Amino acid sequence: MITDECINCGACEPECPNNAIYEGGTEWRFADGTSLKGEVNVASGNYQADQSNQPKAMDVYYIVTDKCTECVGFHDEPQCAAVCPVDCCVDDPDFRETQEQLMAKKNYMHL
């Protein structure tokens, strides 16, 4: 997750291999940066891959949890946290996934 301490520098956004990070106020889609098409079934519900969804935050960058794999399958550590100059990209205490769950999500999104 990205905390309210975000300074909106945008350093994290291009680093995400899943395109799970969006600027505050920007609508998001599952198809962005993934190979998903048609119906998408994830933990939070069912979506259409090309459907625009409401922003999860308006004032700061945000991470779409259902798209985030914490860079598992791509890098050794979450790249957003590695490049954040104010350390506001942190683990979400309300949403925990195992390495196996993160890898399965990565494989689902990137055929």
N, C-alpha and C. Protein backbone atom coordinates (compact mmCIF):
# COMPACT_ATOMS: atom_id res chain seq x y z
N MET A 1 0.83 -1.18 0.00
CA MET A 1 0.00 0.00 0.00
C MET A 1 0.88 1.24 0.00
N ILE A 2 0.31 2.36 -0.35
CA ILE A 2 1.02 3.62 -0.34
C ILE A 2 0.37 4.50 0.72
N THR A 3 1.18 4.99 1.63
CA THR A 3 0.64 5.76 2.74
C THR A 3 0.38 7.22 2.35
N ASP A 4 -0.27 7.93 3.24
CA ASP A 4 -0.58 9.34 3.02
C ASP A 4 0.66 10.22 3.00
N GLU A 5 1.82 9.67 3.36
CA GLU A 5 3.05 10.43 3.32
C GLU A 5 3.60 10.58 1.90
N CYS A 6 2.93 9.94 0.93
CA CYS A 6 3.34 10.01 -0.48
C CYS A 6 3.47 11.47 -0.92
N ILE A 7 4.57 11.78 -1.59
CA ILE A 7 4.81 13.14 -2.09
C ILE A 7 4.47 13.26 -3.57
N ASN A 8 3.84 12.23 -4.14
CA ASN A 8 3.41 12.23 -5.54
C ASN A 8 4.55 12.43 -6.51
N CYS A 9 5.70 11.85 -6.21
CA CYS A 9 6.86 11.99 -7.11
C CYS A 9 6.72 11.11 -8.34
N GLY A 10 5.96 10.00 -8.23
CA GLY A 10 5.76 9.12 -9.37
C GLY A 10 6.87 8.12 -9.62
N ALA A 11 7.86 8.04 -8.76
CA ALA A 11 8.99 7.12 -8.97
C ALA A 11 8.54 5.67 -9.00
N CYS A 12 7.54 5.33 -8.24
CA CYS A 12 7.09 3.94 -8.11
C CYS A 12 6.33 3.43 -9.34
N GLU A 13 5.55 4.27 -9.96
CA GLU A 13 4.65 3.84 -11.02
C GLU A 13 5.33 3.09 -12.16
N PRO A 14 6.39 3.60 -12.77
CA PRO A 14 7.01 2.88 -13.89
C PRO A 14 7.76 1.62 -13.46
N GLU A 15 8.03 1.46 -12.18
CA GLU A 15 8.77 0.29 -11.69
C GLU A 15 7.90 -0.95 -11.55
N CYS A 16 6.59 -0.79 -11.52
CA CYS A 16 5.69 -1.91 -11.26
C CYS A 16 5.52 -2.79 -12.49
N PRO A 17 5.90 -4.07 -12.42
CA PRO A 17 5.79 -4.96 -13.56
C PRO A 17 4.35 -5.36 -13.89
N ASN A 18 3.42 -5.08 -12.98
CA ASN A 18 2.01 -5.42 -13.19
C ASN A 18 1.15 -4.21 -13.49
N ASN A 19 1.76 -3.04 -13.55
CA ASN A 19 1.01 -1.80 -13.71
C ASN A 19 -0.10 -1.72 -12.66
N ALA A 20 0.26 -2.01 -11.41
CA ALA A 20 -0.71 -1.99 -10.31
C ALA A 20 -0.71 -0.66 -9.57
N ILE A 21 0.15 0.27 -9.96
CA ILE A 21 0.25 1.56 -9.29
C ILE A 21 -0.29 2.64 -10.21
N TYR A 22 -1.17 3.47 -9.64
CA TYR A 22 -1.80 4.53 -10.41
C TYR A 22 -1.71 5.85 -9.66
N GLU A 23 -1.68 6.92 -10.42
CA GLU A 23 -1.70 8.25 -9.82
C GLU A 23 -3.07 8.50 -9.21
N GLY A 24 -3.10 9.18 -8.09
CA GLY A 24 -4.36 9.49 -7.43
C GLY A 24 -5.35 10.12 -8.40
N GLY A 25 -6.59 9.66 -8.35
CA GLY A 25 -7.64 10.18 -9.21
C GLY A 25 -7.74 9.51 -10.57
N THR A 26 -6.80 8.63 -10.89
CA THR A 26 -6.79 7.94 -12.18
C THR A 26 -7.56 6.63 -12.10
N GLU A 27 -8.45 6.41 -13.07
CA GLU A 27 -9.15 5.13 -13.14
C GLU A 27 -8.17 4.04 -13.52
N TRP A 28 -8.48 2.79 -13.13
CA TRP A 28 -7.58 1.67 -13.40
C TRP A 28 -8.33 0.54 -14.08
N ARG A 29 -7.56 -0.34 -14.75
CA ARG A 29 -8.11 -1.51 -15.44
C ARG A 29 -7.20 -2.70 -15.21
N PHE A 30 -7.78 -3.88 -15.16
CA PHE A 30 -6.98 -5.10 -15.04
C PHE A 30 -6.14 -5.34 -16.28
N ALA A 31 -6.59 -4.91 -17.43
CA ALA A 31 -5.86 -5.13 -18.68
C ALA A 31 -4.58 -4.30 -18.74
N ASP A 32 -4.51 -3.22 -18.00
CA ASP A 32 -3.31 -2.37 -18.01
C ASP A 32 -2.09 -3.16 -17.56
N GLY A 33 -1.13 -3.36 -18.44
CA GLY A 33 0.12 -4.00 -18.09
C GLY A 33 0.06 -5.50 -17.85
N THR A 34 -1.05 -6.13 -18.17
CA THR A 34 -1.18 -7.58 -18.01
C THR A 34 -1.67 -8.19 -19.32
N SER A 35 -1.78 -9.51 -19.35
CA SER A 35 -2.33 -10.17 -20.54
C SER A 35 -3.79 -10.56 -20.33
N LEU A 36 -4.42 -10.03 -19.29
CA LEU A 36 -5.80 -10.37 -18.97
C LEU A 36 -6.77 -9.82 -20.01
N LYS A 37 -7.74 -10.65 -20.36
CA LYS A 37 -8.80 -10.28 -21.31
C LYS A 37 -10.10 -10.88 -20.80
N GLY A 38 -11.21 -10.25 -21.17
CA GLY A 38 -12.51 -10.79 -20.79
C GLY A 38 -12.76 -10.70 -19.29
N GLU A 39 -13.41 -11.74 -18.75
CA GLU A 39 -13.76 -11.74 -17.34
C GLU A 39 -12.55 -12.05 -16.46
N VAL A 40 -12.43 -11.29 -15.38
CA VAL A 40 -11.34 -11.45 -14.43
C VAL A 40 -11.94 -11.79 -13.08
N ASN A 41 -11.51 -12.90 -12.51
CA ASN A 41 -12.01 -13.33 -11.20
C ASN A 41 -10.88 -13.21 -10.19
N VAL A 42 -11.04 -12.30 -9.23
CA VAL A 42 -10.01 -12.06 -8.22
C VAL A 42 -10.66 -12.01 -6.84
N ALA A 43 -9.83 -11.85 -5.82
CA ALA A 43 -10.30 -11.89 -4.44
C ALA A 43 -11.42 -10.90 -4.17
N SER A 44 -11.36 -9.72 -4.76
CA SER A 44 -12.37 -8.70 -4.47
C SER A 44 -13.62 -8.80 -5.32
N GLY A 45 -13.65 -9.73 -6.28
CA GLY A 45 -14.85 -9.90 -7.11
C GLY A 45 -14.55 -10.20 -8.55
N ASN A 46 -15.55 -10.02 -9.38
CA ASN A 46 -15.44 -10.27 -10.81
C ASN A 46 -15.46 -8.95 -11.57
N TYR A 47 -14.61 -8.85 -12.56
CA TYR A 47 -14.47 -7.64 -13.36
C TYR A 47 -14.34 -8.02 -14.82
N GLN A 48 -14.43 -7.05 -15.69
CA GLN A 48 -14.05 -7.19 -17.08
C GLN A 48 -12.66 -6.54 -17.19
N ALA A 49 -11.74 -7.20 -17.86
CA ALA A 49 -10.36 -6.73 -17.93
C ALA A 49 -10.26 -5.30 -18.46
N ASP A 50 -11.07 -4.95 -19.45
CA ASP A 50 -11.01 -3.61 -20.06
C ASP A 50 -11.90 -2.58 -19.37
N GLN A 51 -12.61 -2.99 -18.34
CA GLN A 51 -13.51 -2.09 -17.61
C GLN A 51 -12.71 -1.07 -16.81
N SER A 52 -13.06 0.18 -16.92
CA SER A 52 -12.44 1.22 -16.09
C SER A 52 -13.07 1.16 -14.71
N ASN A 53 -12.23 1.25 -13.70
CA ASN A 53 -12.68 1.18 -12.31
C ASN A 53 -12.33 2.48 -11.58
N GLN A 54 -13.13 2.80 -10.57
CA GLN A 54 -12.94 4.02 -9.80
C GLN A 54 -11.57 4.03 -9.12
N PRO A 55 -10.96 5.20 -9.03
CA PRO A 55 -9.69 5.31 -8.32
C PRO A 55 -9.83 4.87 -6.86
N LYS A 56 -8.79 4.25 -6.34
CA LYS A 56 -8.79 3.82 -4.95
C LYS A 56 -8.31 4.94 -4.02
N ALA A 57 -7.74 5.97 -4.59
CA ALA A 57 -7.33 7.16 -3.83
C ALA A 57 -7.39 8.35 -4.79
N MET A 58 -7.63 9.51 -4.23
CA MET A 58 -7.74 10.71 -5.06
C MET A 58 -6.51 11.62 -4.95
N ASP A 59 -5.86 11.63 -3.80
CA ASP A 59 -4.81 12.61 -3.56
C ASP A 59 -3.39 12.10 -3.71
N VAL A 60 -3.19 10.79 -3.55
CA VAL A 60 -1.85 10.21 -3.65
C VAL A 60 -1.89 8.98 -4.55
N TYR A 61 -0.73 8.56 -4.99
CA TYR A 61 -0.64 7.33 -5.77
C TYR A 61 -1.23 6.19 -4.95
N TYR A 62 -1.72 5.16 -5.64
CA TYR A 62 -2.30 4.02 -4.94
C TYR A 62 -1.95 2.73 -5.67
N ILE A 63 -2.06 1.62 -4.94
CA ILE A 63 -1.78 0.29 -5.49
C ILE A 63 -3.08 -0.49 -5.54
N VAL A 64 -3.36 -1.12 -6.68
CA VAL A 64 -4.51 -2.01 -6.81
C VAL A 64 -4.06 -3.36 -6.27
N THR A 65 -4.54 -3.71 -5.09
CA THR A 65 -4.11 -4.91 -4.39
C THR A 65 -4.28 -6.16 -5.23
N ASP A 66 -5.37 -6.26 -5.97
CA ASP A 66 -5.62 -7.44 -6.78
C ASP A 66 -4.66 -7.58 -7.95
N LYS A 67 -3.88 -6.56 -8.26
CA LYS A 67 -2.88 -6.63 -9.32
C LYS A 67 -1.46 -6.73 -8.78
N CYS A 68 -1.27 -6.41 -7.52
CA CYS A 68 0.07 -6.37 -6.94
C CYS A 68 0.55 -7.78 -6.57
N THR A 69 1.74 -8.12 -7.03
CA THR A 69 2.37 -9.40 -6.68
C THR A 69 3.61 -9.18 -5.81
N GLU A 70 3.78 -7.96 -5.31
CA GLU A 70 4.99 -7.61 -4.55
C GLU A 70 6.25 -7.95 -5.34
N CYS A 71 6.13 -7.90 -6.65
CA CYS A 71 7.20 -8.17 -7.62
C CYS A 71 7.66 -9.63 -7.62
N VAL A 72 6.94 -10.53 -6.95
CA VAL A 72 7.27 -11.96 -6.98
C VAL A 72 7.20 -12.44 -8.43
N GLY A 73 8.22 -13.17 -8.83
CA GLY A 73 8.30 -13.65 -10.20
C GLY A 73 8.99 -12.69 -11.15
N PHE A 74 9.29 -11.49 -10.67
CA PHE A 74 9.97 -10.48 -11.48
C PHE A 74 11.28 -10.02 -10.84
N HIS A 75 11.22 -9.69 -9.55
CA HIS A 75 12.37 -9.12 -8.83
C HIS A 75 12.47 -9.76 -7.45
N ASP A 76 13.60 -9.53 -6.80
CA ASP A 76 13.83 -10.09 -5.46
C ASP A 76 13.13 -9.31 -4.35
N GLU A 77 12.72 -8.08 -4.65
CA GLU A 77 12.03 -7.24 -3.66
C GLU A 77 11.05 -6.33 -4.38
N PRO A 78 10.03 -5.83 -3.67
CA PRO A 78 9.09 -4.90 -4.29
C PRO A 78 9.82 -3.65 -4.79
N GLN A 79 9.72 -3.40 -6.07
CA GLN A 79 10.44 -2.28 -6.66
C GLN A 79 9.90 -0.92 -6.24
N CYS A 80 8.60 -0.84 -5.96
CA CYS A 80 8.03 0.44 -5.52
C CYS A 80 8.70 0.88 -4.23
N ALA A 81 8.85 -0.04 -3.29
CA ALA A 81 9.48 0.28 -2.01
C ALA A 81 10.96 0.61 -2.21
N ALA A 82 11.60 -0.08 -3.14
CA ALA A 82 13.04 0.14 -3.36
C ALA A 82 13.33 1.54 -3.90
N VAL A 83 12.43 2.12 -4.69
CA VAL A 83 12.69 3.43 -5.29
C VAL A 83 12.01 4.59 -4.58
N CYS A 84 11.13 4.31 -3.64
CA CYS A 84 10.38 5.38 -2.97
C CYS A 84 11.31 6.23 -2.09
N PRO A 85 11.40 7.54 -2.36
CA PRO A 85 12.31 8.39 -1.59
C PRO A 85 11.84 8.69 -0.17
N VAL A 86 10.55 8.45 0.13
CA VAL A 86 10.04 8.75 1.47
C VAL A 86 9.51 7.51 2.18
N ASP A 87 9.82 6.34 1.65
CA ASP A 87 9.45 5.06 2.27
C ASP A 87 7.95 4.95 2.59
N CYS A 88 7.11 5.34 1.62
CA CYS A 88 5.67 5.24 1.86
C CYS A 88 5.04 4.04 1.14
N CYS A 89 5.81 3.25 0.43
CA CYS A 89 5.32 2.00 -0.16
C CYS A 89 5.64 0.90 0.85
N VAL A 90 4.60 0.44 1.54
CA VAL A 90 4.79 -0.50 2.64
C VAL A 90 3.81 -1.66 2.53
N ASP A 91 4.07 -2.73 3.29
CA ASP A 91 3.14 -3.85 3.35
C ASP A 91 1.81 -3.38 3.92
N ASP A 92 0.74 -3.89 3.35
CA ASP A 92 -0.61 -3.58 3.84
C ASP A 92 -0.94 -4.56 4.96
N PRO A 93 -1.08 -4.09 6.19
CA PRO A 93 -1.34 -5.01 7.29
C PRO A 93 -2.70 -5.70 7.20
N ASP A 94 -3.59 -5.16 6.39
CA ASP A 94 -4.93 -5.73 6.24
C ASP A 94 -5.03 -6.73 5.08
N PHE A 95 -3.93 -6.91 4.34
CA PHE A 95 -3.96 -7.80 3.19
C PHE A 95 -2.63 -8.53 3.08
N ARG A 96 -2.62 -9.78 3.46
CA ARG A 96 -1.40 -10.59 3.44
C ARG A 96 -1.57 -11.75 2.47
N GLU A 97 -0.52 -12.04 1.70
CA GLU A 97 -0.52 -13.17 0.77
C GLU A 97 0.81 -13.91 0.91
N THR A 98 0.76 -15.22 0.70
CA THR A 98 1.97 -16.03 0.73
C THR A 98 2.72 -15.87 -0.58
N GLN A 99 3.97 -16.32 -0.59
CA GLN A 99 4.75 -16.30 -1.82
C GLN A 99 4.05 -17.12 -2.92
N GLU A 100 3.45 -18.24 -2.51
CA GLU A 100 2.74 -19.09 -3.48
C GLU A 100 1.53 -18.37 -4.06
N GLN A 101 0.79 -17.67 -3.22
CA GLN A 101 -0.37 -16.91 -3.70
C GLN A 101 0.06 -15.79 -4.65
N LEU A 102 1.15 -15.11 -4.31
CA LEU A 102 1.64 -14.03 -5.16
C LEU A 102 2.12 -14.57 -6.50
N MET A 103 2.80 -15.71 -6.50
CA MET A 103 3.26 -16.31 -7.75
C MET A 103 2.07 -16.78 -8.60
N ALA A 104 1.06 -17.33 -7.97
CA ALA A 104 -0.14 -17.75 -8.70
C ALA A 104 -0.82 -16.54 -9.34
N LYS A 105 -0.88 -15.44 -8.62
CA LYS A 105 -1.48 -14.21 -9.16
C LYS A 105 -0.66 -13.70 -10.35
N LYS A 106 0.67 -13.72 -10.21
CA LYS A 106 1.55 -13.30 -11.31
C LYS A 106 1.31 -14.17 -12.54
N ASN A 107 1.24 -15.48 -12.34
CA ASN A 107 1.02 -16.40 -13.47
C ASN A 107 -0.36 -16.20 -14.11
N TYR A 108 -1.35 -15.86 -13.31
CA TYR A 108 -2.70 -15.60 -13.82
C TYR A 108 -2.72 -14.35 -14.70
N MET A 109 -1.99 -13.32 -14.29
CA MET A 109 -2.03 -12.05 -15.01
C MET A 109 -1.12 -12.01 -16.22
N HIS A 110 -0.09 -12.85 -16.23
CA HIS A 110 0.90 -12.81 -17.31
C HIS A 110 1.04 -14.19 -17.92
N LEU A 111 0.22 -14.47 -18.91
CA LEU A 111 0.25 -15.79 -19.57
C LEU A 111 1.47 -15.95 -20.44
